[in-house]
Protein backbone atom coordinates (compact mmCIF):
# COMPACT_ATOMS: atom_id res chain seq x y z
CA MET A 1 70.94 134.21 32.60
CA GLU A 2 69.95 137.58 34.31
CA THR A 3 72.87 139.99 34.23
CA TRP A 4 73.57 142.65 36.94
CA LYS A 5 72.63 146.28 35.82
CA ARG A 6 75.16 148.85 37.61
CA SER A 7 73.45 151.50 39.19
CA LYS A 8 74.01 155.19 38.78
CA SER A 9 75.88 155.32 41.92
CA ASP A 10 78.17 152.59 40.89
CA ILE A 11 78.70 154.39 37.67
CA TRP A 12 79.64 157.79 39.34
CA PHE A 13 81.88 155.94 41.67
CA ASP A 14 83.85 154.76 38.75
CA ARG A 15 84.16 157.61 37.12
CA ILE A 16 85.51 159.66 40.43
CA ASN A 17 87.76 156.56 41.02
CA VAL A 18 89.27 157.22 37.80
CA LEU A 19 89.64 160.67 38.00
CA PHE A 20 91.28 160.48 41.69
CA TRP A 21 93.74 158.00 39.92
CA ILE A 22 94.51 159.92 37.09
CA ILE A 23 95.38 162.59 39.30
CA VAL A 24 97.47 161.37 41.21
CA LEU A 25 99.40 159.57 38.65
CA PHE A 26 99.75 163.35 37.06
CA ILE A 27 100.95 164.38 40.45
CA VAL A 28 103.93 161.57 40.68
CA ILE A 29 104.95 161.99 36.87
CA TYR A 30 104.95 165.06 36.30
CA PRO A 31 108.09 165.89 38.55
CA LEU A 32 110.56 163.72 36.33
CA TYR A 33 108.96 164.95 33.30
CA PHE A 34 109.61 168.19 33.98
CA ILE A 35 113.11 167.33 34.98
CA LEU A 36 113.63 165.57 31.56
CA ILE A 37 112.22 168.80 29.76
CA ALA A 38 113.60 171.36 31.56
CA SER A 39 117.10 169.45 30.95
CA PHE A 40 116.44 170.43 27.21
CA SER A 41 115.08 173.81 27.38
CA ASN A 42 116.60 177.09 27.66
CA PRO A 43 117.39 178.20 31.70
CA ASP A 44 116.09 181.49 31.15
CA LEU A 45 112.51 180.31 30.26
CA VAL A 46 112.41 177.60 32.31
CA ASN A 47 113.13 180.00 35.45
CA ALA A 48 110.64 182.29 34.14
CA GLY A 49 107.99 179.58 34.17
CA GLN A 50 107.29 179.40 30.57
CA VAL A 51 108.04 175.59 30.31
CA TRP A 52 105.50 173.56 31.15
CA PHE A 53 104.76 170.58 28.64
CA MET A 54 107.36 171.14 26.20
CA PRO A 55 110.90 172.04 25.90
CA LYS A 56 111.37 175.64 24.53
CA GLU A 57 114.67 176.43 22.16
CA LEU A 58 116.29 173.12 22.37
CA ALA A 59 119.62 173.58 24.49
CA ILE A 60 121.98 170.20 25.39
CA GLU A 61 125.09 172.42 26.50
CA GLY A 62 124.28 170.95 30.23
CA TYR A 63 124.46 167.20 28.68
CA MET A 64 127.65 168.00 26.71
CA ARG A 65 129.38 169.27 29.98
CA ILE A 66 128.15 165.94 31.98
CA LEU A 67 129.28 163.41 29.16
CA GLU A 68 132.39 165.18 27.82
CA ASN A 69 133.67 164.49 31.70
CA ASP A 70 135.83 161.13 31.77
CA GLN A 71 134.63 160.89 35.35
CA ILE A 72 131.33 160.12 34.33
CA TRP A 73 132.11 156.59 32.88
CA VAL A 74 134.59 155.46 35.52
CA GLY A 75 131.50 156.44 37.94
CA TYR A 76 128.96 154.25 35.87
CA ARG A 77 131.70 151.47 35.44
CA ASN A 78 132.15 151.52 39.58
CA THR A 79 128.22 152.14 40.24
CA ILE A 80 127.32 149.02 38.05
CA ILE A 81 130.03 146.97 39.78
CA TYR A 82 128.97 148.02 43.06
CA THR A 83 125.35 147.58 42.41
CA ILE A 84 125.87 144.22 40.96
CA VAL A 85 127.91 142.62 43.75
CA SER A 86 126.11 144.22 46.98
CA THR A 87 122.70 142.80 45.21
CA VAL A 88 123.90 139.34 44.56
CA ILE A 89 125.34 139.01 48.06
CA SER A 90 122.38 141.05 49.78
CA VAL A 91 119.46 139.05 48.05
CA VAL A 92 121.42 135.64 48.46
CA LEU A 93 121.79 136.68 52.35
CA LEU A 94 118.04 137.77 52.47
CA LEU A 95 116.69 134.30 50.93
CA THR A 96 118.56 132.01 52.85
CA GLY A 97 118.20 134.21 56.28
CA GLY A 98 114.36 134.70 55.43
CA TYR A 99 113.71 131.03 54.55
CA ALA A 100 115.39 130.06 57.66
CA LEU A 101 113.86 132.20 60.18
CA SER A 102 110.35 131.07 58.42
CA ARG A 103 111.04 127.36 59.15
CA LYS A 104 108.97 126.49 62.87
CA ASP A 105 111.71 123.71 63.41
CA LEU A 106 114.12 126.44 63.53
CA ALA A 107 115.04 126.75 67.26
CA GLY A 108 115.23 130.06 68.84
CA ARG A 109 113.59 131.71 65.76
CA ASN A 110 111.37 134.20 67.64
CA VAL A 111 114.72 134.99 69.70
CA ILE A 112 116.69 135.45 66.84
CA MET A 113 114.14 137.78 64.79
CA MET A 114 113.52 139.74 67.93
CA LEU A 115 117.53 140.70 67.89
CA ILE A 116 117.17 141.47 64.37
CA ALA A 117 114.51 143.57 64.62
CA PHE A 118 116.25 145.44 67.54
CA THR A 119 118.89 146.86 64.73
CA MET A 120 115.89 148.95 63.46
CA PHE A 121 115.64 151.00 66.20
CA PHE A 122 118.84 151.34 67.62
CA GLY A 123 122.35 151.75 65.93
CA GLY A 124 125.95 152.42 66.90
CA GLY A 125 126.16 155.39 65.28
CA LEU A 126 128.26 157.04 62.41
CA ILE A 127 131.65 157.29 64.25
CA PRO A 128 131.73 153.79 65.90
CA THR A 129 130.33 152.38 62.38
CA TYR A 130 133.63 154.24 60.89
CA LEU A 131 135.85 153.34 63.38
CA LEU A 132 134.78 149.51 62.93
CA VAL A 133 135.15 149.87 58.91
CA LYS A 134 138.50 151.47 59.32
CA SER A 135 139.68 148.74 61.77
CA LEU A 136 138.77 146.06 59.50
CA GLY A 137 140.74 147.53 56.44
CA MET A 138 137.61 147.97 54.51
CA LEU A 139 138.26 151.99 53.71
CA ASP A 140 138.69 152.80 50.06
CA THR A 141 137.19 149.43 49.16
CA LEU A 142 134.00 147.88 47.55
CA TRP A 143 133.62 146.09 50.81
CA ALA A 144 132.56 149.23 52.87
CA LEU A 145 130.09 149.84 50.75
CA VAL A 146 128.63 146.28 50.49
CA ILE A 147 129.38 144.54 53.72
CA PRO A 148 127.78 147.13 56.44
CA ASN A 149 124.11 147.12 54.99
CA ALA A 150 123.99 143.68 53.14
CA VAL A 151 120.94 142.68 54.97
CA GLY A 152 117.84 145.08 55.42
CA VAL A 153 115.93 144.13 58.46
CA TYR A 154 112.73 145.59 56.14
CA GLN A 155 113.33 143.37 53.48
CA LEU A 156 114.49 140.28 55.57
CA ILE A 157 111.10 140.39 57.20
CA ILE A 158 109.46 140.71 54.01
CA CYS A 159 111.33 137.45 53.13
CA ARG A 160 110.41 135.57 55.80
CA THR A 161 106.75 136.25 55.67
CA PHE A 162 106.77 135.47 51.70
CA PHE A 163 108.10 131.80 52.69
CA GLN A 164 105.55 131.59 55.63
CA SER A 165 102.60 132.11 53.65
CA THR A 166 104.16 130.75 50.23
CA ILE A 167 105.83 127.69 51.40
CA PRO A 168 103.43 124.84 53.24
CA ASP A 169 104.92 122.66 55.70
CA GLU A 170 103.36 119.65 53.98
CA LEU A 171 105.29 120.59 50.72
CA LEU A 172 108.62 120.18 52.80
CA GLU A 173 107.19 116.74 54.26
CA ALA A 174 106.69 115.50 51.18
CA ALA A 175 110.07 116.34 49.76
CA VAL A 176 111.83 114.72 52.95
CA MET A 177 109.66 111.64 52.55
CA ASP A 178 111.27 111.67 48.82
CA GLY A 179 114.65 111.95 50.31
CA CYS A 180 114.93 115.48 49.68
CA ASN A 181 117.42 117.26 52.29
CA ASN A 182 117.24 120.84 53.02
CA THR A 183 119.84 122.28 50.71
CA ARG A 184 118.07 120.32 47.56
CA PHE A 185 114.41 121.45 49.16
CA PHE A 186 115.81 125.09 48.81
CA LEU A 187 117.53 124.90 45.66
CA ARG A 188 114.96 122.74 43.88
CA ILE A 189 111.57 123.78 45.25
CA VAL A 190 111.71 127.04 47.11
CA LEU A 191 113.49 129.32 44.89
CA PRO A 192 111.76 128.38 41.44
CA LEU A 193 108.63 129.18 43.74
CA SER A 194 110.26 132.41 44.87
CA THR A 195 110.68 134.38 41.69
CA PRO A 196 108.17 137.27 42.74
CA ILE A 197 110.07 138.13 45.82
CA ILE A 198 113.61 137.31 44.32
CA ALA A 199 112.45 140.35 41.67
CA VAL A 200 111.55 142.20 44.59
CA MET A 201 114.78 142.21 46.22
CA ILE A 202 116.75 142.49 43.53
CA LEU A 203 114.94 145.99 42.68
CA PHE A 204 115.28 147.01 46.51
CA ARG A 205 118.91 146.54 46.79
CA ALA A 206 119.68 147.75 43.36
CA VAL A 207 117.76 150.70 43.61
CA SER A 208 118.92 151.49 46.82
CA GLU A 209 122.68 150.69 45.90
CA TRP A 210 122.47 152.75 42.75
CA ASN A 211 121.09 156.04 44.47
CA ALA A 212 123.22 155.68 47.59
CA TYR A 213 126.20 158.42 48.09
CA PHE A 214 126.31 158.88 51.63
CA ASP A 215 128.58 155.89 52.32
CA ALA A 216 130.95 156.57 49.57
CA LEU A 217 131.20 159.99 50.59
CA ILE A 218 132.28 158.86 54.05
CA TYR A 219 134.64 155.62 53.22
CA ILE A 220 135.89 156.37 49.36
CA ARG A 221 138.77 158.72 48.96
CA ASP A 222 140.05 157.52 45.94
CA GLN A 223 138.62 159.05 42.75
CA ALA A 224 139.21 156.22 40.41
CA LYS A 225 136.85 154.34 43.08
CA GLN A 226 133.98 156.87 43.26
CA PRO A 227 130.53 155.95 42.60
CA LEU A 228 128.58 157.89 40.12
CA GLN A 229 126.43 159.78 42.33
CA ILE A 230 129.64 161.42 43.83
CA ILE A 231 131.13 162.27 40.60
CA LEU A 232 127.67 163.94 39.46
CA ARG A 233 127.54 166.03 42.85
CA ASP A 234 131.29 167.30 42.15
CA ILE A 235 130.44 168.05 38.47
CA LEU A 236 127.50 170.07 39.67
CA ILE A 237 129.52 171.81 42.83
CA GLN A 238 132.11 172.70 40.20
CA ALA A 239 129.73 174.39 37.57
CA GLN A 240 128.27 176.64 40.65
CA ALA A 241 132.11 177.42 41.55
CA ASP A 242 132.79 178.11 38.12
CA GLY A 243 130.24 180.82 38.04
CA ASN A 244 131.32 182.23 41.30
CA MET A 245 134.47 182.77 40.23
CA LEU A 246 133.63 184.54 36.48
CA ASP A 247 132.52 188.27 35.87
CA SER A 248 128.97 189.16 36.00
CA SER A 249 128.15 188.81 32.25
CA SER A 250 130.21 185.30 32.05
CA ALA A 251 129.01 184.26 35.59
CA ALA A 252 125.05 184.39 34.34
CA GLU A 253 126.07 182.34 31.55
CA GLN A 254 127.54 180.07 33.56
CA GLN A 255 124.75 180.00 36.21
CA LYS A 256 122.48 179.17 33.24
CA LEU A 257 124.52 176.20 32.28
CA SER A 258 124.44 175.15 35.91
CA GLU A 259 121.02 174.91 35.69
CA GLN A 260 120.92 172.79 32.81
CA ILE A 261 123.54 170.46 34.39
CA LYS A 262 121.34 170.44 37.80
CA TYR A 263 118.26 168.73 35.71
CA GLY A 264 120.79 166.87 33.56
CA VAL A 265 122.39 165.23 36.42
CA VAL A 266 118.84 163.94 37.91
CA ILE A 267 118.31 162.15 34.41
CA VAL A 268 121.63 160.62 33.80
CA ALA A 269 121.40 159.28 37.62
CA SER A 270 117.60 157.84 37.16
CA LEU A 271 117.74 156.58 33.49
CA PRO A 272 119.23 153.05 34.27
CA VAL A 273 116.75 152.36 36.94
CA LEU A 274 113.98 153.75 34.80
CA VAL A 275 114.83 151.33 32.32
CA LEU A 276 114.78 148.23 34.59
CA TYR A 277 111.93 148.92 36.34
CA PRO A 278 109.03 148.06 33.83
CA PHE A 279 110.78 144.82 33.33
CA LEU A 280 110.52 144.05 37.07
CA GLN A 281 107.50 145.89 37.93
CA ARG A 282 104.64 142.81 38.04
CA TYR A 283 106.88 140.80 40.00
CA PHE A 284 107.72 143.90 42.54
CA VAL A 285 103.75 144.43 43.05
CA LYS A 286 102.69 140.58 43.17
CA GLY A 287 105.73 139.90 45.42
CA VAL A 288 104.93 142.55 48.05
CA MET A 289 101.06 142.04 47.99
CA ILE A 290 101.58 138.40 48.36
CA GLY A 291 103.46 139.11 51.83
CA SER A 292 101.53 141.72 52.92
CA ILE A 293 97.94 140.16 52.65
CA LYS A 294 98.65 136.46 53.77
CA GLY A 295 101.43 137.16 56.28
């Protein structure tokens, strides 16, 4: 059997392609890696530009200041609760809504989709939304962070496209002939075939909710109910304020500590997401590509 021989141009193309993506990978990963090593390094050396690839003069005072704050653990608990509840509600609504809108026998589905897509371009604004949340009695509650953003239009479109391209009409017809109703078909057949898109939606929603702080800043006043991002923000602001209130020598030391806290806050806030992502990454890529190629 005659084997295909690669030309020099193919070989050089592969080399350049690999080199290009190595550079892109470095550009993407290095900032996070720098924050990690800077959080363990002497801030004076970081500010002097002497920290590049390895920590220098190991220092953990920033992490000690962050972790000794009891509110950190309260924030972690609140954020985990908010993320789990928000993700479960959002994924259920996205999957059921996306599947319903993908069905050709749904009367007026195009009109419904147009009305939903309309909200991507036009909104009521911050003040009307705040007044609505207040009138519903959701201020200082979990629901103020969960209900208003429960369904993302972009994610709904991805779900609808996935179901349209993955679940053929013939499969439903065969199930109906065997006596299967819509609910059983969705639970027994559609969901088991939708593992990639479920993982994608979980990742989208969980990351979004974990990093969210603006809604909590607007709607949550009770410190015991504040999520991690707000508490980390308060710690950083407090560290900077403490430095401004001290004399020059003490202020310099406090400024150094503030720099360490700044980098440590990023790592503390990002660590759970970084741990979760590798387990969902393969589903994430597969689910997004299926919807984009066949949609």
